[in-house]
Amino acid sequence: MKIKFKILILVALLTVNYQLEAQEDSLQAEVQNTIERMQSQDSKLTIGGYGQIDYNQELNSQINYNGNMDVHRLVLLFGYKFNSKTSFFTEIEMEHVKEVFVEQAFLNHKINNWLNFRAGLMLIPMGYINEYHEPPAFNGVERPNVDKYVVPTTWREIGLGFSGRLSEYSIKYQLYVTNGFLGYDGAAKFDGENGLRGGRQKGAKSVFTTPNITGRVDYFAIPGLKIGLSGYFGKSQSTLYDGIEKNDYVLTQSADSSVVGISMFGVDAQYNINGFGFRGQFIYSEHSNTQAYNQLTGSDFGSQIKGYYLEASYNIFQTIPTKHKLIPFVRYENYNTHAVVEDGVTTNDAFARQEYIFGLGWKMHTNAVLKVDYQVLVEGNNKQRNFFNMGVGVMF
């Protein structure tokens, strides 16, 4: 039965491989198209934000676990329009009440109707959730773990580049040159369990040694359907290069061993029809020089990481004349941060994870939601963990 289920999942992924949703709705436009809204309105200052409050409880018939209640994140959005073409956009994030981060901070200049120049701290356009991660924009209390361990959300770096919309071709695009992950700062930042996640620099005194390139194309010609292709290519950054002479072969070779090459690809899509919604995403990341990296740092970082998820939902209130939505959903996730490892590292089966999430969301407003779900996490072939999650999400 399990084999048949996996085959069905893989067939669906290969033949559909897209996320399903009605259209590029107001939730997505709320944040990513704030610049466009600012340029078209008279007010110079735009204020918004989003928040997420969670309750997570692990369930086990043999062991007691405390639940965890958390103001997971509160993000305040500010945008300022200098004139009809030039504006500044930033998000200030507070996590777990006591941690403060800058999530985005970039200058945008509209060159013409299809070309914008951007520079500053920007979200890497990889996958769906990394850009559209506001709580009302996704089903489930927590973001999909494929986006946590493979992408990894929320991933942002400092850089510059171009974005725009080619309306006659139904295409949106982004192309940036950015700073990269920090792979080594005296210790390994990458490992087998969390993949690249520990290397996110978040614009905080970021180490820079080599530039990276990232881009995304979205296609939305078919009503209700949006398909996205993402890519990221470059090398990780390392503090070992700092201060060494360029002709010092021994130190340069050691520094080179602390760097990992990264090639990441992603496809996602979304569609909705008659209250039914479906989403899907596949992310694959390939890494070079991992054997030298692991030997130098003592890490167990994998040379390949990959993951996908498929999700289906339905608005029970679809045929009722109300603005409320009651949305049950189911999501299957499969991700492996040890998909392939080089010699010297033993594959850890526990890093091959599957998740089954069953949940319900009540949207009393498009941008206000109460969520509840049950999560089954299978780590490797043996260990299973069950969780009950509940949360409140808003954006404005």
Protein backbone atom coordinates (compact mmCIF):
# COMPACT_ATOMS: atom_id res chain seq x y z
CA MET A 1 0.00 0.00 0.00
CA LYS A 2 2.83 2.37 0.90
CA ILE A 3 4.63 1.63 -2.38
CA LYS A 4 1.47 2.29 -4.41
CA PHE A 5 0.90 5.54 -2.54
CA LYS A 6 4.46 6.72 -3.21
CA ILE A 7 4.13 5.83 -6.90
CA LEU A 8 0.93 7.86 -7.14
CA ILE A 9 2.63 10.79 -5.45
CA LEU A 10 5.61 10.65 -7.83
CA VAL A 11 3.38 10.34 -10.91
CA ALA A 12 1.34 13.31 -9.79
CA LEU A 13 4.50 15.32 -9.18
CA LEU A 14 5.96 14.53 -12.59
CA THR A 15 2.75 15.11 -14.53
CA VAL A 16 1.45 18.12 -12.63
CA ASN A 17 4.35 19.59 -10.66
CA TYR A 18 2.53 22.75 -9.89
CA GLN A 19 0.73 24.52 -7.09
CA LEU A 20 -2.90 25.16 -7.51
CA GLU A 21 -4.71 28.29 -6.56
CA ALA A 22 -7.26 30.66 -8.05
CA GLN A 23 -5.04 33.44 -9.27
CA GLU A 24 -2.36 35.83 -8.20
CA ASP A 25 -4.66 36.99 -5.41
CA SER A 26 -4.52 39.84 -2.93
CA LEU A 27 -2.50 37.82 -0.40
CA GLN A 28 0.42 37.56 -2.78
CA ALA A 29 0.04 41.09 -4.10
CA GLU A 30 -0.21 42.45 -0.55
CA VAL A 31 3.52 42.12 0.07
CA GLN A 32 5.33 41.44 -3.20
CA ASN A 33 3.45 44.11 -5.15
CA THR A 34 3.53 46.77 -2.43
CA ILE A 35 5.99 48.75 -4.52
CA GLU A 36 3.51 48.84 -7.43
CA ARG A 37 0.70 49.99 -5.14
CA MET A 38 2.90 52.70 -3.64
CA GLN A 39 3.79 54.02 -7.08
CA SER A 40 0.13 54.32 -8.05
CA GLN A 41 -1.18 56.04 -4.92
CA ASP A 42 -0.80 59.60 -3.63
CA SER A 43 0.30 58.72 -0.09
CA LYS A 44 4.07 58.62 0.40
CA LEU A 45 4.03 56.27 3.42
CA THR A 46 2.62 52.73 3.42
CA ILE A 47 2.31 50.70 6.64
CA GLY A 48 1.43 47.03 6.94
CA GLY A 49 2.57 43.80 8.53
CA TYR A 50 1.76 40.25 9.52
CA GLY A 51 1.78 38.12 12.66
CA GLN A 52 1.65 34.50 13.76
CA ILE A 53 0.86 33.05 17.21
CA ASP A 54 1.23 29.28 17.61
CA TYR A 55 0.50 26.40 19.94
CA ASN A 56 2.48 23.19 19.25
CA GLN A 57 2.02 19.96 21.19
CA GLU A 58 3.85 16.68 20.61
CA LEU A 59 1.62 13.68 21.34
CA ASN A 60 2.91 10.32 22.57
CA SER A 61 1.05 7.52 24.35
CA GLN A 62 4.18 6.59 26.36
CA ILE A 63 5.82 9.96 27.09
CA ASN A 64 4.55 13.30 28.37
CA TYR A 65 5.59 16.42 26.46
CA ASN A 66 4.99 20.04 27.38
CA GLY A 67 3.19 22.10 24.80
CA ASN A 68 4.78 25.24 23.41
CA MET A 69 2.94 28.55 23.01
CA ASP A 70 4.75 31.24 21.09
CA VAL A 71 4.31 34.63 19.49
CA HIS A 72 6.24 33.10 16.64
CA ARG A 73 6.68 36.25 14.63
CA LEU A 74 5.42 39.80 14.30
CA VAL A 75 6.54 41.71 11.21
CA LEU A 76 5.99 45.40 10.55
CA LEU A 77 6.10 46.61 6.96
CA PHE A 78 7.03 50.15 5.98
CA GLY A 79 7.25 51.60 2.49
CA TYR A 80 8.11 55.14 1.46
CA LYS A 81 7.54 56.63 -2.00
CA PHE A 82 10.04 59.35 -2.89
CA ASN A 83 8.36 59.99 -6.25
CA SER A 84 6.38 58.09 -8.89
CA LYS A 85 9.40 55.93 -9.77
CA THR A 86 11.56 55.56 -6.68
CA SER A 87 10.57 53.97 -3.37
CA PHE A 88 11.99 52.14 -0.36
CA PHE A 89 10.51 49.00 1.20
CA THR A 90 11.39 47.30 4.49
CA GLU A 91 10.06 44.67 6.91
CA ILE A 92 11.14 44.54 10.56
CA GLU A 93 10.63 41.13 12.13
CA MET A 94 10.36 40.22 15.81
CA GLU A 95 10.54 36.48 16.53
CA HIS A 96 9.63 34.75 19.80
CA VAL A 97 9.07 38.20 21.39
CA LYS A 98 12.80 38.81 21.99
CA GLU A 99 14.63 38.44 18.64
CA VAL A 100 14.66 41.29 16.11
CA PHE A 101 15.64 40.95 12.44
CA VAL A 102 15.41 42.98 9.25
CA GLU A 103 13.56 40.73 6.84
CA GLN A 104 13.74 43.00 3.80
CA ALA A 105 15.17 46.46 3.09
CA PHE A 106 15.60 47.48 -0.52
CA LEU A 107 15.41 50.46 -2.86
CA ASN A 108 13.22 50.07 -5.94
CA HIS A 109 13.38 52.27 -9.06
CA LYS A 110 10.87 51.85 -11.88
CA ILE A 111 12.73 52.30 -15.17
CA ASN A 112 9.71 51.58 -17.35
CA ASN A 113 6.54 49.47 -17.32
CA TRP A 114 8.43 46.18 -17.58
CA LEU A 115 11.72 46.89 -15.80
CA ASN A 116 12.54 47.74 -12.16
CA PHE A 117 15.96 48.09 -10.57
CA ARG A 118 16.32 46.87 -6.98
CA ALA A 119 19.19 47.00 -4.49
CA GLY A 120 19.42 46.09 -0.80
CA LEU A 121 18.38 43.19 1.41
CA MET A 122 15.98 41.06 -0.65
CA LEU A 123 14.24 37.70 -0.43
CA ILE A 124 15.83 35.04 -2.61
CA PRO A 125 13.08 34.11 -5.13
CA MET A 126 13.37 30.36 -4.55
CA GLY A 127 10.13 28.41 -4.33
CA TYR A 128 6.73 29.70 -3.27
CA ILE A 129 6.85 30.16 0.50
CA ASN A 130 10.14 32.07 0.68
CA GLU A 131 8.40 35.03 -0.98
CA TYR A 132 4.78 34.46 0.07
CA HIS A 133 5.25 33.38 3.69
CA GLU A 134 2.55 35.42 5.44
CA PRO A 135 0.31 33.13 7.58
CA PRO A 136 -2.97 33.64 5.64
CA ALA A 137 -1.17 32.77 2.38
CA PHE A 138 -0.52 29.09 3.22
CA ASN A 139 -2.43 26.21 4.78
CA GLY A 140 -1.31 24.75 8.09
CA VAL A 141 -0.09 26.37 11.27
CA GLU A 142 3.58 26.11 10.29
CA ARG A 143 5.19 26.68 6.91
CA PRO A 144 5.95 23.50 4.94
CA ASN A 145 9.16 21.89 6.17
CA VAL A 146 10.40 21.45 2.59
CA ASP A 147 10.73 25.23 2.66
CA LYS A 148 12.49 25.12 6.03
CA TYR A 149 15.10 22.43 5.40
CA VAL A 150 15.62 22.56 1.63
CA VAL A 151 15.10 26.18 0.49
CA PRO A 152 15.52 27.36 3.44
CA THR A 153 12.88 29.95 4.36
CA THR A 154 13.09 32.84 5.22
CA TRP A 155 16.19 33.27 3.05
CA ARG A 156 17.35 36.76 2.18
CA GLU A 157 20.67 38.27 1.17
CA ILE A 158 22.07 41.64 0.12
CA GLY A 159 22.34 42.26 -3.59
CA LEU A 160 21.03 44.08 -6.65
CA GLY A 161 19.26 43.28 -9.87
CA PHE A 162 16.10 43.62 -11.91
CA SER A 163 12.46 42.57 -11.76
CA GLY A 164 9.42 43.20 -13.88
CA ARG A 165 6.32 42.02 -15.66
CA LEU A 166 5.90 41.27 -19.38
CA SER A 167 2.12 41.45 -19.48
CA GLU A 168 1.72 40.56 -23.16
CA TYR A 169 3.56 37.29 -22.49
CA SER A 170 1.96 36.68 -19.06
CA ILE A 171 5.39 36.53 -17.42
CA LYS A 172 6.92 37.98 -14.27
CA TYR A 173 10.66 37.74 -13.73
CA GLN A 174 13.39 38.46 -11.18
CA LEU A 175 17.18 38.34 -11.63
CA TYR A 176 19.65 39.32 -8.89
CA VAL A 177 23.33 39.17 -8.02
CA THR A 178 23.58 38.62 -4.26
CA ASN A 179 25.77 37.68 -1.35
CA GLY A 180 25.75 33.96 -0.51
CA PHE A 181 25.45 31.57 2.41
CA LEU A 182 28.21 31.71 5.01
CA GLY A 183 29.63 28.20 5.00
CA TYR A 184 32.49 28.67 7.47
CA ASP A 185 33.34 31.21 10.17
CA GLY A 186 35.71 29.15 12.30
CA ALA A 187 33.21 26.30 12.38
CA ALA A 188 30.95 24.56 9.87
CA LYS A 189 27.65 26.34 9.19
CA PHE A 190 26.24 23.51 7.05
CA ASP A 191 25.37 20.05 8.36
CA GLY A 192 23.47 16.92 7.47
CA GLU A 193 20.40 17.54 9.60
CA ASN A 194 19.65 21.16 8.70
CA GLY A 195 21.33 21.42 5.31
CA LEU A 196 22.10 25.00 4.26
CA ARG A 197 19.87 26.62 6.89
CA GLY A 198 22.67 27.52 9.31
CA GLY A 199 24.45 29.53 6.61
CA ARG A 200 21.80 32.23 6.11
CA GLN A 201 23.50 35.57 6.77
CA LYS A 202 20.30 37.70 6.87
CA GLY A 203 22.20 40.90 6.08
CA ALA A 204 23.91 40.97 9.48
CA LYS A 205 27.57 41.99 8.87
CA SER A 206 27.53 39.51 6.01
CA VAL A 207 30.82 37.98 4.93
CA PHE A 208 31.38 38.39 1.19
CA THR A 209 33.93 36.52 -0.92
CA THR A 210 32.17 35.61 -4.19
CA PRO A 211 28.89 36.76 -5.80
CA ASN A 212 25.93 34.43 -6.40
CA ILE A 213 23.16 34.60 -9.01
CA THR A 214 19.47 33.90 -8.45
CA GLY A 215 16.39 34.26 -10.60
CA ARG A 216 12.77 33.31 -11.04
CA VAL A 217 10.17 33.30 -13.82
CA ASP A 218 6.40 33.08 -13.21
CA TYR A 219 3.94 32.21 -15.96
CA PHE A 220 0.25 33.04 -15.51
CA ALA A 221 -1.41 32.98 -18.95
CA ILE A 222 -3.97 30.29 -18.06
CA PRO A 223 -6.71 31.69 -15.79
CA GLY A 224 -6.25 30.40 -12.25
CA LEU A 225 -2.91 28.74 -12.97
CA LYS A 226 0.51 30.07 -12.02
CA ILE A 227 3.73 28.15 -12.63
CA GLY A 228 7.10 29.24 -11.26
CA LEU A 229 10.69 28.25 -12.06
CA SER A 230 13.51 29.26 -9.71
CA GLY A 231 17.29 28.96 -9.71
CA TYR A 232 20.25 29.83 -7.50
CA PHE A 233 23.92 29.34 -8.44
CA GLY A 234 27.17 30.22 -6.72
CA LYS A 235 29.49 29.43 -3.84
CA SER A 236 29.32 29.75 -0.07
CA GLN A 237 31.32 32.43 1.68
CA SER A 238 34.20 31.83 4.12
CA THR A 239 36.10 33.86 6.69
CA LEU A 240 39.31 31.91 5.94
CA TYR A 241 40.10 34.13 2.94
CA ASP A 242 40.33 37.24 5.09
CA GLY A 243 43.88 38.53 5.52
CA ILE A 244 45.80 35.81 3.65
CA GLU A 245 48.32 36.70 0.96
CA LYS A 246 47.16 35.89 -2.55
CA ASN A 247 50.33 33.91 -3.31
CA ASP A 248 50.09 31.78 -0.14
CA TYR A 249 49.15 28.46 -1.72
CA VAL A 250 48.76 26.51 1.54
CA LEU A 251 46.34 28.96 3.20
CA THR A 252 44.45 29.51 -0.05
CA GLN A 253 43.98 25.77 -0.48
CA SER A 254 42.69 25.52 3.07
CA ALA A 255 40.27 28.39 2.45
CA ASP A 256 39.10 26.73 -0.77
CA SER A 257 38.25 23.62 1.25
CA SER A 258 35.87 25.66 3.39
CA VAL A 259 33.75 26.65 0.36
CA VAL A 260 30.85 24.69 -1.12
CA GLY A 261 29.45 25.17 -4.63
CA ILE A 262 25.65 25.38 -4.72
CA SER A 263 23.27 24.81 -7.63
CA MET A 264 19.61 24.92 -6.61
CA PHE A 265 16.59 24.42 -8.84
CA GLY A 266 12.90 24.70 -8.05
CA VAL A 267 9.52 24.31 -9.73
CA ASP A 268 6.21 25.22 -8.15
CA ALA A 269 2.69 25.92 -9.34
CA GLN A 270 -0.80 26.61 -8.11
CA TYR A 271 -4.37 26.41 -9.37
CA ASN A 272 -7.93 26.57 -8.05
CA ILE A 273 -11.28 25.64 -9.51
CA ASN A 274 -14.75 25.67 -7.92
CA GLY A 275 -13.40 25.91 -4.37
CA PHE A 276 -10.82 23.16 -4.82
CA GLY A 277 -7.18 24.08 -4.46
CA PHE A 278 -4.00 22.13 -5.05
CA ARG A 279 -0.37 23.04 -4.50
CA GLY A 280 2.89 21.34 -5.31
CA GLN A 281 6.57 22.17 -5.16
CA PHE A 282 9.86 20.43 -5.91
CA ILE A 283 13.29 21.75 -4.83
CA TYR A 284 16.65 20.18 -5.63
CA SER A 285 20.04 21.43 -4.41
CA GLU A 286 23.38 20.01 -5.56
CA HIS A 287 26.65 20.82 -3.77
CA SER A 288 30.25 20.48 -4.92
CA ASN A 289 33.43 20.21 -2.81
CA THR A 290 31.53 18.66 0.10
CA GLN A 291 34.14 15.97 0.72
CA ALA A 292 36.89 18.57 1.30
CA TYR A 293 34.45 20.72 3.32
CA ASN A 294 33.52 17.86 5.64
CA GLN A 295 37.13 16.79 6.11
CA LEU A 296 38.15 20.33 7.04
CA THR A 297 35.21 21.11 9.32
CA GLY A 298 34.22 17.70 10.68
CA SER A 299 30.69 18.18 9.37
CA ASP A 300 28.40 15.63 7.69
CA PHE A 301 26.94 17.94 5.02
CA GLY A 302 25.30 16.19 2.07
CA SER A 303 26.20 16.69 -1.58
CA GLN A 304 22.51 16.61 -2.58
CA ILE A 305 19.38 17.83 -0.82
CA LYS A 306 15.90 17.53 -2.26
CA GLY A 307 12.27 17.66 -1.30
CA TYR A 308 8.73 18.07 -2.56
CA TYR A 309 5.20 18.43 -1.29
CA LEU A 310 1.69 18.07 -2.69
CA GLU A 311 -1.37 19.65 -1.13
CA ALA A 312 -5.12 19.65 -1.73
CA SER A 313 -7.79 21.82 -0.11
CA TYR A 314 -11.44 22.78 -0.45
CA ASN A 315 -13.47 25.77 0.71
CA ILE A 316 -16.60 24.30 2.33
CA PHE A 317 -18.29 27.71 2.12
CA GLN A 318 -17.74 27.91 -1.65
CA THR A 319 -21.47 27.76 -2.47
CA ILE A 320 -22.59 29.86 0.51
CA PRO A 321 -22.98 33.66 0.07
CA THR A 322 -20.39 34.62 2.70
CA LYS A 323 -16.91 36.10 2.72
CA HIS A 324 -15.86 33.56 5.33
CA LYS A 325 -13.90 30.51 4.22
CA LEU A 326 -13.64 27.14 5.95
CA ILE A 327 -10.80 25.21 4.34
CA PRO A 328 -9.88 21.62 5.22
CA PHE A 329 -6.63 20.49 3.61
CA VAL A 330 -4.19 17.61 3.41
CA ARG A 331 -0.48 17.87 2.57
CA TYR A 332 2.19 15.25 1.95
CA GLU A 333 5.86 16.25 2.27
CA ASN A 334 8.97 14.28 1.43
CA TYR A 335 12.45 15.75 1.95
CA ASN A 336 15.95 14.42 2.50
CA THR A 337 18.95 16.49 3.62
CA HIS A 338 21.17 13.43 3.13
CA ALA A 339 19.91 12.46 -0.32
CA VAL A 340 23.51 11.86 -1.45
CA VAL A 341 26.71 12.04 0.62
CA GLU A 342 30.38 11.80 -0.36
CA ASP A 343 32.99 9.33 0.93
CA GLY A 344 33.76 9.83 4.60
CA VAL A 345 30.15 10.54 5.60
CA THR A 346 27.63 7.84 6.52
CA THR A 347 24.11 8.40 5.28
CA ASN A 348 21.77 9.14 8.18
CA ASP A 349 18.39 7.57 7.43
CA ALA A 350 16.72 9.85 9.99
CA PHE A 351 17.35 12.80 7.66
CA ALA A 352 14.99 11.24 5.09
CA ARG A 353 11.69 12.57 6.36
CA GLN A 354 8.06 12.27 5.38
CA GLU A 355 5.14 14.26 6.75
CA TYR A 356 1.38 13.87 6.57
CA ILE A 357 -0.55 16.98 7.64
CA PHE A 358 -4.32 17.14 8.00
CA GLY A 359 -5.83 20.46 8.97
CA LEU A 360 -8.53 23.08 8.88
CA GLY A 361 -8.41 26.84 8.43
CA TRP A 362 -11.19 29.31 9.20
CA LYS A 363 -10.73 32.59 7.34
CA MET A 364 -13.06 35.10 8.91
CA HIS A 365 -11.44 37.62 6.57
CA THR A 366 -9.08 37.18 3.62
CA ASN A 367 -6.23 38.33 5.84
CA ALA A 368 -7.25 36.82 9.20
CA VAL A 369 -7.25 33.08 9.90
CA LEU A 370 -7.56 30.55 12.72
CA LYS A 371 -5.74 27.27 11.94
CA VAL A 372 -5.59 23.79 13.41
CA ASP A 373 -3.80 20.69 12.12
CA TYR A 374 -2.49 17.24 12.99
CA GLN A 375 1.01 16.38 11.81
CA VAL A 376 2.60 12.95 11.44
CA LEU A 377 6.38 13.10 11.01
CA VAL A 378 8.22 9.94 9.95
CA GLU A 379 12.02 10.12 10.32
CA GLY A 380 13.78 7.37 8.39
CA ASN A 381 12.21 3.92 8.50
CA ASN A 382 11.38 3.67 12.18
CA LYS A 383 10.75 6.80 14.20
CA GLN A 384 7.32 8.42 14.04
CA ARG A 385 6.31 11.58 15.90
CA ASN A 386 2.84 13.11 16.10
CA PHE A 387 1.96 16.76 16.72
CA PHE A 388 -1.14 18.84 17.30
CA ASN A 389 -0.80 22.46 16.13
CA MET A 390 -3.08 25.47 16.46
CA GLY A 391 -2.49 29.08 15.54
CA VAL A 392 -3.70 32.54 14.62
CA GLY A 393 -2.41 34.35 11.55
CA VAL A 394 -3.02 37.89 10.28
CA MET A 395 -1.68 40.31 7.72
CA PHE A 396 -2.63 43.88 6.90
